């Protein structure tokens, strides 16, 4: 059988250059405590962990497409502010938490109705602007039912069972979460790793990871886009290159390969820079502000500027994240 030629390859030389550049950089880990965005550390562990579990499950797909591909990111006004994607999600979720903390429980989620979902994720005009509402309802209900059936209705029960392991013969945190409809994303585990990251960095120390080898960056479309534009990965297939530049729909196989190679590239950067994957994730997540989807990149403001291919070659700036509909990021 003829082996299919790779469409994407890791550029180890650029990964090495970036990693060496980042060795001396410092970034303070975000502790996920903001008074008007997340629960206070004084709230009960059960309430706080359930809240993060339920909201992270909804952290995906904040953009709109058309027949050609990617159209625009989602913006919505909440509390008088025009917020993009995840910022809107966290703001409107915390408003609901303040109104009714019991909303973020397994009992509520397992029987959630579409009107309740829309009331939770609504903007200042009372409209629910998020895409993929049917999928979001299914995610919420599955989460609630699975928590009630297997974990006494609480996320703390899952944390207790995993014992600080991300992977442990099917019983690690990533593996247990992968069984939930809204978290299934092996081998990338984007949302599960986001949740693990939050639990690690919160002041309560909900999670102390015992198997650091399974710690990875959170491979969402922002980190995929930055991997392409920096040159960490090379798109060697001309047809895929054209799709990415045109922001056209890609196949599942193409999207998978971009993410797979990007994850390998970030692994190289973590190893050479000797930095924790969650720290590297924060650093590149910050980079998305200067290298956004729709606006011209502001290379001079970015810490990656000196070693980034996109800052030197306009062709790299034109590359876009793989465009595909998914509930995983």
C-alpha atoms as a PDB file:
ATOM      1  CA  UNK A   1       0.000   0.000   0.000  1.00  0.00           C
ATOM      2  CA  UNK A   2       1.336   3.442  -0.955  1.00  0.00           C
ATOM      3  CA  UNK A   3       1.867   5.710   2.027  1.00  0.00           C
ATOM      4  CA  UNK A   4       0.123   9.061   1.665  1.00  0.00           C
ATOM      5  CA  UNK A   5       2.484  12.023   1.586  1.00  0.00           C
ATOM      6  CA  UNK A   6       2.244  14.378   4.559  1.00  0.00           C
ATOM      7  CA  UNK A   7       0.584  17.704   3.876  1.00  0.00           C
ATOM      8  CA  UNK A   8       2.106  19.321   6.965  1.00  0.00           C
ATOM      9  CA  UNK A   9       5.581  19.010   8.462  1.00  0.00           C
ATOM     10  CA  UNK A  10       7.246  20.280  11.626  1.00  0.00           C
ATOM     11  CA  UNK A  11       9.989  22.839  10.972  1.00  0.00           C
ATOM     12  CA  UNK A  12      12.410  21.832  13.725  1.00  0.00           C
ATOM     13  CA  UNK A  13      14.882  24.618  12.953  1.00  0.00           C
ATOM     14  CA  UNK A  14      12.304  27.354  13.496  1.00  0.00           C
ATOM     15  CA  UNK A  15      10.944  25.593  16.581  1.00  0.00           C
ATOM     16  CA  UNK A  16      14.481  25.516  18.000  1.00  0.00           C
ATOM     17  CA  UNK A  17      15.051  29.209  17.234  1.00  0.00           C
ATOM     18  CA  UNK A  18      11.758  30.209  18.832  1.00  0.00           C
ATOM     19  CA  UNK A  19      12.401  28.030  21.872  1.00  0.00           C
ATOM     20  CA  UNK A  20      15.860  29.481  22.447  1.00  0.00           C
ATOM     21  CA  UNK A  21      14.384  32.962  22.098  1.00  0.00           C
ATOM     22  CA  UNK A  22      11.701  32.161  24.674  1.00  0.00           C
ATOM     23  CA  UNK A  23      14.106  30.645  27.199  1.00  0.00           C
ATOM     24  CA  UNK A  24      14.823  34.007  28.789  1.00  0.00           C
ATOM     25  CA  UNK A  25      11.250  35.323  28.537  1.00  0.00           C
ATOM     26  CA  UNK A  26       9.116  35.561  31.620  1.00  0.00           C
ATOM     27  CA  UNK A  27       5.362  35.303  31.825  1.00  0.00           C
ATOM     28  CA  UNK A  28       3.369  35.161  35.019  1.00  0.00           C
ATOM     29  CA  UNK A  29       0.819  32.326  34.962  1.00  0.00           C
ATOM     30  CA  UNK A  30      -2.780  33.528  35.008  1.00  0.00           C
ATOM     31  CA  UNK A  31      -4.465  32.363  38.224  1.00  0.00           C
ATOM     32  CA  UNK A  32      -8.043  32.450  36.912  1.00  0.00           C
ATOM     33  CA  UNK A  33      -9.221  34.819  39.633  1.00  0.00           C
ATOM     34  CA  UNK A  34     -10.947  37.954  38.323  1.00  0.00           C
ATOM     35  CA  UNK A  35     -13.706  39.417  40.544  1.00  0.00           C
ATOM     36  CA  UNK A  36     -16.193  40.095  37.718  1.00  0.00           C
ATOM     37  CA  UNK A  37     -15.426  36.986  35.655  1.00  0.00           C
ATOM     38  CA  UNK A  38     -14.820  33.923  37.834  1.00  0.00           C
ATOM     39  CA  UNK A  39     -15.999  32.638  41.249  1.00  0.00           C
ATOM     40  CA  UNK A  40     -14.137  33.733  44.361  1.00  0.00           C
ATOM     41  CA  UNK A  41     -11.744  31.228  45.980  1.00  0.00           C
ATOM     42  CA  UNK A  42     -13.923  31.483  49.111  1.00  0.00           C
ATOM     43  CA  UNK A  43     -16.823  29.753  47.319  1.00  0.00           C
ATOM     44  CA  UNK A  44     -17.268  26.022  47.915  1.00  0.00           C
ATOM     45  CA  UNK A  45     -15.048  23.631  45.952  1.00  0.00           C
ATOM     46  CA  UNK A  46     -18.096  21.864  44.560  1.00  0.00           C
ATOM     47  CA  UNK A  47     -19.641  25.064  43.213  1.00  0.00           C
ATOM     48  CA  UNK A  48     -16.409  26.386  41.745  1.00  0.00           C
ATOM     49  CA  UNK A  49     -15.307  23.155  40.050  1.00  0.00           C
ATOM     50  CA  UNK A  50     -18.788  22.435  38.668  1.00  0.00           C
ATOM     51  CA  UNK A  51     -18.894  25.973  37.291  1.00  0.00           C
ATOM     52  CA  UNK A  52     -15.601  25.633  35.445  1.00  0.00           C
ATOM     53  CA  UNK A  53     -16.497  22.161  34.141  1.00  0.00           C
ATOM     54  CA  UNK A  54     -19.832  23.323  32.721  1.00  0.00           C
ATOM     55  CA  UNK A  55     -18.545  26.577  31.196  1.00  0.00           C
ATOM     56  CA  UNK A  56     -15.393  25.052  29.675  1.00  0.00           C
ATOM     57  CA  UNK A  57     -17.620  22.459  27.969  1.00  0.00           C
ATOM     58  CA  UNK A  58     -19.225  25.381  26.085  1.00  0.00           C
ATOM     59  CA  UNK A  59     -15.927  27.032  25.114  1.00  0.00           C
ATOM     60  CA  UNK A  60     -15.909  26.343  21.384  1.00  0.00           C
ATOM     61  CA  UNK A  61     -16.988  27.495  17.944  1.00  0.00           C
ATOM     62  CA  UNK A  62     -17.362  31.255  18.375  1.00  0.00           C
ATOM     63  CA  UNK A  63     -17.325  32.139  14.694  1.00  0.00           C
ATOM     64  CA  UNK A  64     -19.598  32.113  11.659  1.00  0.00           C
ATOM     65  CA  UNK A  65     -19.074  30.461   8.296  1.00  0.00           C
ATOM     66  CA  UNK A  66     -20.690  30.544   4.872  1.00  0.00           C
ATOM     67  CA  UNK A  67     -20.661  28.280   1.831  1.00  0.00           C
ATOM     68  CA  UNK A  68     -17.084  29.317   1.047  1.00  0.00           C
ATOM     69  CA  UNK A  69     -15.593  28.916   4.516  1.00  0.00           C
ATOM     70  CA  UNK A  70     -14.820  31.255   7.413  1.00  0.00           C
ATOM     71  CA  UNK A  71     -16.869  34.450   7.466  1.00  0.00           C
ATOM     72  CA  UNK A  72     -16.298  36.299  10.766  1.00  0.00           C
ATOM     73  CA  UNK A  73     -15.670  35.840  14.488  1.00  0.00           C
ATOM     74  CA  UNK A  74     -18.544  36.180  16.941  1.00  0.00           C
ATOM     75  CA  UNK A  75     -18.908  39.443  18.850  1.00  0.00           C
ATOM     76  CA  UNK A  76     -21.751  40.296  21.211  1.00  0.00           C
ATOM     77  CA  UNK A  77     -22.506  43.083  23.695  1.00  0.00           C
ATOM     78  CA  UNK A  78     -22.706  42.081  27.358  1.00  0.00           C
ATOM     79  CA  UNK A  79     -22.807  44.522  30.260  1.00  0.00           C
ATOM     80  CA  UNK A  80     -22.225  47.321  27.759  1.00  0.00           C
ATOM     81  CA  UNK A  81     -19.027  45.791  26.343  1.00  0.00           C
ATOM     82  CA  UNK A  82     -18.547  44.389  22.847  1.00  0.00           C
ATOM     83  CA  UNK A  83     -16.975  41.020  23.605  1.00  0.00           C
ATOM     84  CA  UNK A  84     -15.426  38.392  21.376  1.00  0.00           C
ATOM     85  CA  UNK A  85     -16.162  34.675  21.664  1.00  0.00           C
ATOM     86  CA  UNK A  86     -14.825  33.205  24.882  1.00  0.00           C
ATOM     87  CA  UNK A  87     -14.793  36.602  26.616  1.00  0.00           C
ATOM     88  CA  UNK A  88     -18.537  36.782  26.022  1.00  0.00           C
ATOM     89  CA  UNK A  89     -19.010  33.213  27.281  1.00  0.00           C
ATOM     90  CA  UNK A  90     -17.219  33.826  30.576  1.00  0.00           C
ATOM     91  CA  UNK A  91     -18.920  37.180  31.149  1.00  0.00           C
ATOM     92  CA  UNK A  92     -22.463  35.964  30.558  1.00  0.00           C
ATOM     93  CA  UNK A  93     -21.790  32.743  32.498  1.00  0.00           C
ATOM     94  CA  UNK A  94     -20.560  34.620  35.552  1.00  0.00           C
ATOM     95  CA  UNK A  95     -23.633  36.858  35.411  1.00  0.00           C
ATOM     96  CA  UNK A  96     -25.756  33.703  35.601  1.00  0.00           C
ATOM     97  CA  UNK A  97     -23.583  32.321  38.420  1.00  0.00           C
ATOM     98  CA  UNK A  98     -24.160  35.490  40.452  1.00  0.00           C
ATOM     99  CA  UNK A  99     -27.901  35.330  39.842  1.00  0.00           C
ATOM    100  CA  UNK A 100     -28.241  31.618  40.556  1.00  0.00           C
ATOM    101  CA  UNK A 101     -25.183  29.473  41.434  1.00  0.00           C
ATOM    102  CA  UNK A 102     -27.438  26.396  41.460  1.00  0.00           C
ATOM    103  CA  UNK A 103     -27.803  26.795  37.696  1.00  0.00           C
ATOM    104  CA  UNK A 104     -24.327  25.280  37.314  1.00  0.00           C
ATOM    105  CA  UNK A 105     -25.199  21.866  38.713  1.00  0.00           C
ATOM    106  CA  UNK A 106     -25.627  18.450  37.165  1.00  0.00           C
ATOM    107  CA  UNK A 107     -29.329  18.443  38.074  1.00  0.00           C
ATOM    108  CA  UNK A 108     -29.929  21.645  36.112  1.00  0.00           C
ATOM    109  CA  UNK A 109     -27.822  20.614  33.138  1.00  0.00           C
ATOM    110  CA  UNK A 110     -29.311  17.146  32.610  1.00  0.00           C
ATOM    111  CA  UNK A 111     -32.786  18.602  31.987  1.00  0.00           C
ATOM    112  CA  UNK A 112     -31.736  21.920  30.455  1.00  0.00           C
ATOM    113  CA  UNK A 113     -34.211  23.375  27.974  1.00  0.00           C
ATOM    114  CA  UNK A 114     -33.315  25.440  24.931  1.00  0.00           C
ATOM    115  CA  UNK A 115     -34.919  28.559  26.445  1.00  0.00           C
ATOM    116  CA  UNK A 116     -32.754  28.166  29.547  1.00  0.00           C
ATOM    117  CA  UNK A 117     -29.637  27.770  27.412  1.00  0.00           C
ATOM    118  CA  UNK A 118     -30.551  30.923  25.493  1.00  0.00           C
ATOM    119  CA  UNK A 119     -31.230  32.758  28.760  1.00  0.00           C
ATOM    120  CA  UNK A 120     -27.790  31.775  30.011  1.00  0.00           C
ATOM    121  CA  UNK A 121     -25.928  32.742  26.814  1.00  0.00           C
ATOM    122  CA  UNK A 122     -27.783  35.947  25.995  1.00  0.00           C
ATOM    123  CA  UNK A 123     -26.520  39.430  25.189  1.00  0.00           C
ATOM    124  CA  UNK A 124     -27.725  42.798  26.474  1.00  0.00           C
ATOM    125  CA  UNK A 125     -30.638  42.777  24.042  1.00  0.00           C
ATOM    126  CA  UNK A 126     -31.817  39.407  25.359  1.00  0.00           C
ATOM    127  CA  UNK A 127     -30.776  37.520  22.217  1.00  0.00           C
ATOM    128  CA  UNK A 128     -28.593  34.401  22.285  1.00  0.00           C
ATOM    129  CA  UNK A 129     -25.910  35.128  19.634  1.00  0.00           C
ATOM    130  CA  UNK A 130     -23.835  31.957  19.885  1.00  0.00           C
ATOM    131  CA  UNK A 131     -23.684  29.475  17.004  1.00  0.00           C
ATOM    132  CA  UNK A 132     -24.387  25.730  17.309  1.00  0.00           C
ATOM    133  CA  UNK A 133     -27.130  25.969  19.948  1.00  0.00           C
ATOM    134  CA  UNK A 134     -28.397  22.420  19.341  1.00  0.00           C
ATOM    135  CA  UNK A 135     -24.917  21.006  19.966  1.00  0.00           C
ATOM    136  CA  UNK A 136     -24.528  23.162  23.074  1.00  0.00           C
ATOM    137  CA  UNK A 137     -27.788  21.847  24.501  1.00  0.00           C
ATOM    138  CA  UNK A 138     -26.702  18.269  23.833  1.00  0.00           C
ATOM    139  CA  UNK A 139     -23.353  18.923  25.540  1.00  0.00           C
ATOM    140  CA  UNK A 140     -25.012  20.382  28.643  1.00  0.00           C
ATOM    141  CA  UNK A 141     -27.527  17.549  28.966  1.00  0.00           C
ATOM    142  CA  UNK A 142     -24.933  14.828  28.429  1.00  0.00           C
ATOM    143  CA  UNK A 143     -22.671  16.410  31.018  1.00  0.00           C
ATOM    144  CA  UNK A 144     -25.453  16.585  33.606  1.00  0.00           C
ATOM    145  CA  UNK A 145     -26.671  13.034  32.988  1.00  0.00           C
ATOM    146  CA  UNK A 146     -23.168  11.529  33.071  1.00  0.00           C
ATOM    147  CA  UNK A 147     -22.258  13.393  36.271  1.00  0.00           C
ATOM    148  CA  UNK A 148     -25.429  12.218  37.986  1.00  0.00           C
ATOM    149  CA  UNK A 149     -25.110   8.623  36.782  1.00  0.00           C
ATOM    150  CA  UNK A 150     -21.432   8.001  37.513  1.00  0.00           C
ATOM    151  CA  UNK A 151     -20.090  10.747  39.800  1.00  0.00           C
ATOM    152  CA  UNK A 152     -22.750  11.651  42.379  1.00  0.00           C
ATOM    153  CA  UNK A 153     -23.518  14.815  40.422  1.00  0.00           C
ATOM    154  CA  UNK A 154     -20.209  16.539  41.196  1.00  0.00           C
ATOM    155  CA  UNK A 155     -16.965  17.194  39.389  1.00  0.00           C
ATOM    156  CA  UNK A 156     -15.072  16.872  42.696  1.00  0.00           C
ATOM    157  CA  UNK A 157     -15.850  13.151  42.490  1.00  0.00           C
ATOM    158  CA  UNK A 158     -13.981  12.945  39.168  1.00  0.00           C
ATOM    159  CA  UNK A 159     -11.038  14.831  40.639  1.00  0.00           C
ATOM    160  CA  UNK A 160     -10.941  12.425  43.541  1.00  0.00           C
ATOM    161  CA  UNK A 161     -10.951   9.397  41.233  1.00  0.00           C
ATOM    162  CA  UNK A 162      -8.160  10.616  38.953  1.00  0.00           C
ATOM    163  CA  UNK A 163      -5.877  11.237  41.936  1.00  0.00           C
ATOM    164  CA  UNK A 164      -3.826  13.928  40.198  1.00  0.00           C
ATOM    165  CA  UNK A 165      -3.147  11.875  37.053  1.00  0.00           C
ATOM    166  CA  UNK A 166      -4.021  13.163  33.595  1.00  0.00           C
ATOM    167  CA  UNK A 167      -3.730   9.669  32.091  1.00  0.00           C
ATOM    168  CA  UNK A 168      -3.733   6.410  34.027  1.00  0.00           C
ATOM    169  CA  UNK A 169      -5.031   3.349  32.186  1.00  0.00           C
ATOM    170  CA  UNK A 170      -8.344   5.030  31.420  1.00  0.00           C
ATOM    171  CA  UNK A 171      -8.773   6.592  34.859  1.00  0.00           C
ATOM    172  CA  UNK A 172      -6.832   9.839  34.454  1.00  0.00           C
ATOM    173  CA  UNK A 173      -8.591  13.205  34.252  1.00  0.00           C
ATOM    174  CA  UNK A 174      -8.185  13.589  30.484  1.00  0.00           C
ATOM    175  CA  UNK A 175      -9.379  10.032  29.895  1.00  0.00           C
ATOM    176  CA  UNK A 176     -12.441  10.361  32.139  1.00  0.00           C
ATOM    177  CA  UNK A 177     -13.429  13.676  30.566  1.00  0.00           C
ATOM    178  CA  UNK A 178     -12.955  12.227  27.079  1.00  0.00           C
ATOM    179  CA  UNK A 179     -16.068  10.096  27.688  1.00  0.00           C
ATOM    180  CA  UNK A 180     -18.233  13.227  27.932  1.00  0.00           C
ATOM    181  CA  UNK A 181     -19.763  14.357  24.638  1.00  0.00           C
ATOM    182  CA  UNK A 182     -18.496  17.921  25.080  1.00  0.00           C
ATOM    183  CA  UNK A 183     -14.913  16.933  25.924  1.00  0.00           C
ATOM    184  CA  UNK A 184     -14.108  14.059  23.548  1.00  0.00           C
ATOM    185  CA  UNK A 185     -10.975  15.183  21.705  1.00  0.00           C
ATOM    186  CA  UNK A 186      -8.310  12.468  21.935  1.00  0.00           C
ATOM    187  CA  UNK A 187      -5.352  12.829  21.402  1.00  0.00           C
ATOM    188  CA  UNK A 188      -5.488  16.639  21.724  1.00  0.00           C
ATOM    189  CA  UNK A 189      -7.816  16.996  24.738  1.00  0.00           C
ATOM    190  CA  UNK A 190      -8.109  20.748  24.197  1.00  0.00           C
ATOM    191  CA  UNK A 191     -11.002  21.509  26.546  1.00  0.00           C
ATOM    192  CA  UNK A 192      -9.958  18.870  29.085  1.00  0.00           C
ATOM    193  CA  UNK A 193      -6.478  20.422  29.249  1.00  0.00           C
ATOM    194  CA  UNK A 194      -7.997  23.888  29.633  1.00  0.00           C
ATOM    195  CA  UNK A 195      -9.962  22.611  32.595  1.00  0.00           C
ATOM    196  CA  UNK A 196      -6.856  20.943  34.044  1.00  0.00           C
ATOM    197  CA  UNK A 197      -4.929  24.181  33.592  1.00  0.00           C
ATOM    198  CA  UNK A 198      -7.576  26.194  35.442  1.00  0.00           C
ATOM    199  CA  UNK A 199      -7.696  23.689  38.304  1.00  0.00           C
ATOM    200  CA  UNK A 200      -3.882  23.752  38.588  1.00  0.00           C
ATOM    201  CA  UNK A 201      -3.539  27.511  38.594  1.00  0.00           C
ATOM    202  CA  UNK A 202      -6.486  28.472  40.793  1.00  0.00           C
ATOM    203  CA  UNK A 203      -5.390  29.465  44.353  1.00  0.00           C
ATOM    204  CA  UNK A 204      -7.324  26.514  45.776  1.00  0.00           C
ATOM    205  CA  UNK A 205      -4.951  24.078  44.041  1.00  0.00           C
ATOM    206  CA  UNK A 206      -7.753  21.753  42.971  1.00  0.00           C
ATOM    207  CA  UNK A 207      -5.338  19.706  40.845  1.00  0.00           C
ATOM    208  CA  UNK A 208      -1.662  18.881  41.371  1.00  0.00           C
ATOM    209  CA  UNK A 209      -0.517  17.002  38.282  1.00  0.00           C
ATOM    210  CA  UNK A 210       1.517  13.882  39.037  1.00  0.00           C
ATOM    211  CA  UNK A 211       2.251  12.874  35.438  1.00  0.00           C
ATOM    212  CA  UNK A 212       3.733  15.997  33.854  1.00  0.00           C
ATOM    213  CA  UNK A 213       4.576  14.059  30.675  1.00  0.00           C
ATOM    214  CA  UNK A 214       0.900  14.199  29.708  1.00  0.00           C
ATOM    215  CA  UNK A 215       0.710  17.963  30.121  1.00  0.00           C
ATOM    216  CA  UNK A 216       0.380  19.694  26.724  1.00  0.00           C
ATOM    217  CA  UNK A 217      -0.504  23.068  25.243  1.00  0.00           C
ATOM    218  CA  UNK A 218      -4.181  23.614  24.418  1.00  0.00           C
ATOM    219  CA  UNK A 219      -4.305  23.123  20.661  1.00  0.00           C
ATOM    220  CA  UNK A 220      -7.165  25.363  19.540  1.00  0.00           C
ATOM    221  CA  UNK A 221      -7.476  27.303  16.281  1.00  0.00           C
ATOM    222  CA  UNK A 222      -5.529  30.285  17.623  1.00  0.00           C
ATOM    223  CA  UNK A 223      -2.477  28.151  18.410  1.00  0.00           C
ATOM    224  CA  UNK A 224      -2.830  26.353  15.077  1.00  0.00           C
ATOM    225  CA  UNK A 225      -2.833  29.707  13.262  1.00  0.00           C
ATOM    226  CA  UNK A 226       0.241  30.904  15.155  1.00  0.00           C
ATOM    227  CA  UNK A 227       2.059  27.640  14.447  1.00  0.00           C
ATOM    228  CA  UNK A 228       1.494  28.216  10.715  1.00  0.00           C
ATOM    229  CA  UNK A 229       2.378  31.909  10.682  1.00  0.00           C
ATOM    230  CA  UNK A 230       5.518  31.588  12.781  1.00  0.00           C
ATOM    231  CA  UNK A 231       6.716  28.797  10.513  1.00  0.00           C
ATOM    232  CA  UNK A 232       6.768  26.200  13.316  1.00  0.00           C
ATOM    233  CA  UNK A 233       4.941  23.976  10.848  1.00  0.00           C
ATOM    234  CA  UNK A 234       5.230  24.004   7.074  1.00  0.00           C
ATOM    235  CA  UNK A 235       2.184  23.467   4.873  1.00  0.00           C
ATOM    236  CA  UNK A 236       3.830  21.468   2.094  1.00  0.00           C
ATOM    237  CA  UNK A 237       0.682  20.639   0.144  1.00  0.00           C
ATOM    238  CA  UNK A 238      -0.168  23.446  -2.346  1.00  0.00           C
ATOM    239  CA  UNK A 239      -3.898  22.692  -2.308  1.00  0.00           C
ATOM    240  CA  UNK A 240      -4.080  22.889   1.492  1.00  0.00           C
ATOM    241  CA  UNK A 241      -2.027  26.092   1.401  1.00  0.00           C
ATOM    242  CA  UNK A 242      -4.587  27.630  -0.955  1.00  0.00           C
ATOM    243  CA  UNK A 243      -7.450  26.541   1.305  1.00  0.00           C
ATOM    244  CA  UNK A 244      -5.818  28.089   4.360  1.00  0.00           C
ATOM    245  CA  UNK A 245      -5.077  31.378   2.605  1.00  0.00           C
ATOM    246  CA  UNK A 246      -8.636  31.572   1.206  1.00  0.00           C
ATOM    247  CA  UNK A 247     -10.061  30.592   4.625  1.00  0.00           C
ATOM    248  CA  UNK A 248     -11.952  27.822   2.865  1.00  0.00           C
ATOM    249  CA  UNK A 249     -13.400  24.674   4.424  1.00  0.00           C
ATOM    250  CA  UNK A 250     -10.867  21.888   4.940  1.00  0.00           C
ATOM    251  CA  UNK A 251     -11.426  18.173   5.393  1.00  0.00           C
ATOM    252  CA  UNK A 252     -11.382  16.523   8.819  1.00  0.00           C
ATOM    253  CA  UNK A 253      -8.178  14.741   7.814  1.00  0.00           C
ATOM    254  CA  UNK A 254      -6.489  18.037   6.893  1.00  0.00           C
ATOM    255  CA  UNK A 255      -7.583  19.699  10.109  1.00  0.00           C
ATOM    256  CA  UNK A 256      -6.337  16.734  12.123  1.00  0.00           C
ATOM    257  CA  UNK A 257      -2.925  16.793  10.459  1.00  0.00           C
ATOM    258  CA  UNK A 258      -2.463  20.530  11.056  1.00  0.00           C
ATOM    259  CA  UNK A 259      -3.308  20.102  14.737  1.00  0.00           C
ATOM    260  CA  UNK A 260      -1.174  16.981  15.070  1.00  0.00           C
ATOM    261  CA  UNK A 261       1.938  18.617  13.607  1.00  0.00           C
ATOM    262  CA  UNK A 262       1.299  21.819  15.560  1.00  0.00           C
ATOM    263  CA  UNK A 263       1.127  19.840  18.810  1.00  0.00           C
ATOM    264  CA  UNK A 264       4.424  18.143  17.938  1.00  0.00           C
ATOM    265  CA  UNK A 265       5.964  21.566  17.268  1.00  0.00           C
ATOM    266  CA  UNK A 266       4.784  22.947  20.607  1.00  0.00           C
ATOM    267  CA  UNK A 267       6.184  19.853  22.336  1.00  0.00           C
ATOM    268  CA  UNK A 268       9.582  20.674  20.810  1.00  0.00           C
ATOM    269  CA  UNK A 269       9.345  24.280  21.985  1.00  0.00           C
ATOM    270  CA  UNK A 270       8.423  23.244  25.534  1.00  0.00           C
ATOM    271  CA  UNK A 271      11.329  20.796  25.706  1.00  0.00           C
ATOM    272  CA  UNK A 272      14.011  23.145  24.352  1.00  0.00           C
ATOM    273  CA  UNK A 273      12.793  26.266  26.169  1.00  0.00           C
ATOM    274  CA  UNK A 274      12.480  24.231  29.380  1.00  0.00           C
ATOM    275  CA  UNK A 275       9.120  25.856  30.032  1.00  0.00           C
ATOM    276  CA  UNK A 276       5.931  24.303  31.326  1.00  0.00           C
ATOM    277  CA  UNK A 277       3.374  23.607  28.525  1.00  0.00           C
ATOM    278  CA  UNK A 278       0.763  25.721  30.319  1.00  0.00           C
ATOM    279  CA  UNK A 279       3.229  28.631  30.398  1.00  0.00           C
ATOM    280  CA  UNK A 280       3.965  28.238  26.682  1.00  0.00           C
ATOM    281  CA  UNK A 281       0.212  28.051  26.098  1.00  0.00           C
ATOM    282  CA  UNK A 282      -0.298  31.345  27.939  1.00  0.00           C
ATOM    283  CA  UNK A 283       2.485  32.949  25.939  1.00  0.00           C
ATOM    284  CA  UNK A 284       1.067  31.931  22.552  1.00  0.00           C
ATOM    285  CA  UNK A 285      -2.505  32.657  23.692  1.00  0.00           C
ATOM    286  CA  UNK A 286      -1.306  36.190  24.406  1.00  0.00           C
ATOM    287  CA  UNK A 287       0.205  36.240  20.917  1.00  0.00           C
ATOM    288  CA  UNK A 288      -3.239  35.806  19.353  1.00  0.00           C
ATOM    289  CA  UNK A 289      -3.968  39.456  20.288  1.00  0.00           C
ATOM    290  CA  UNK A 290      -1.230  40.636  17.931  1.00  0.00           C
ATOM    291  CA  UNK A 291      -1.869  37.994  15.269  1.00  0.00           C
ATOM    292  CA  UNK A 292      -5.705  37.923  15.063  1.00  0.00           C
ATOM    293  CA  UNK A 293      -8.021  36.357  12.523  1.00  0.00           C
ATOM    294  CA  UNK A 294      -9.337  39.397  10.700  1.00  0.00           C
ATOM    295  CA  UNK A 295      -6.932  42.285  11.309  1.00  0.00           C
ATOM    296  CA  UNK A 296      -3.390  42.861  10.086  1.00  0.00           C
ATOM    297  CA  UNK A 297      -0.884  41.354  12.570  1.00  0.00           C
ATOM    298  CA  UNK A 298       0.936  43.838  14.827  1.00  0.00           C
ATOM    299  CA  UNK A 299       4.274  42.066  14.760  1.00  0.00           C
ATOM    300  CA  UNK A 300       6.251  44.696  16.663  1.00  0.00           C
ATOM    301  CA  UNK A 301       4.100  44.166  19.761  1.00  0.00           C
ATOM    302  CA  UNK A 302       4.611  40.402  19.820  1.00  0.00           C
ATOM    303  CA  UNK A 303       7.314  38.600  21.805  1.00  0.00           C
ATOM    304  CA  UNK A 304       7.664  36.107  18.924  1.00  0.00           C
ATOM    305  CA  UNK A 305       8.447  38.855  16.402  1.00  0.00           C
ATOM    306  CA  UNK A 306      12.235  38.400  16.117  1.00  0.00           C
ATOM    307  CA  UNK A 307      12.085  34.708  15.159  1.00  0.00           C
ATOM    308  CA  UNK A 308       8.682  34.583  13.445  1.00  0.00           C
ATOM    309  CA  UNK A 309       8.528  33.860   9.702  1.00  0.00           C
ATOM    310  CA  UNK A 310       5.338  35.868   9.362  1.00  0.00           C
ATOM    311  CA  UNK A 311       7.043  39.038  10.572  1.00  0.00           C
ATOM    312  CA  UNK A 312       9.518  38.713   7.677  1.00  0.00           C
ATOM    313  CA  UNK A 313       7.479  37.095   4.909  1.00  0.00           C
ATOM    314  CA  UNK A 314       3.956  38.373   4.094  1.00  0.00           C
ATOM    315  CA  UNK A 315       2.985  34.979   2.649  1.00  0.00           C
ATOM    316  CA  UNK A 316       3.076  33.465   6.127  1.00  0.00           C
ATOM    317  CA  UNK A 317       0.814  36.223   7.466  1.00  0.00           C
ATOM    318  CA  UNK A 318      -1.856  35.119   5.007  1.00  0.00           C
ATOM    319  CA  UNK A 319      -2.139  31.611   6.473  1.00  0.00           C
ATOM    320  CA  UNK A 320      -5.271  30.912   8.476  1.00  0.00           C
ATOM    321  CA  UNK A 321      -6.381  28.229  10.895  1.00  0.00           C
ATOM    322  CA  UNK A 322      -8.065  25.134   9.435  1.00  0.00           C
ATOM    323  CA  UNK A 323     -11.732  25.970   8.912  1.00  0.00           C
ATOM    324  CA  UNK A 324     -14.007  23.165  10.066  1.00  0.00           C
ATOM    325  CA  UNK A 325     -17.022  22.906  12.370  1.00  0.00           C
ATOM    326  CA  UNK A 326     -16.266  21.112  15.604  1.00  0.00           C
ATOM    327  CA  UNK A 327     -17.415  21.122  19.216  1.00  0.00           C
ATOM    328  CA  UNK A 328     -13.928  20.449  20.580  1.00  0.00           C
ATOM    329  CA  UNK A 329     -12.443  23.979  20.412  1.00  0.00           C
END
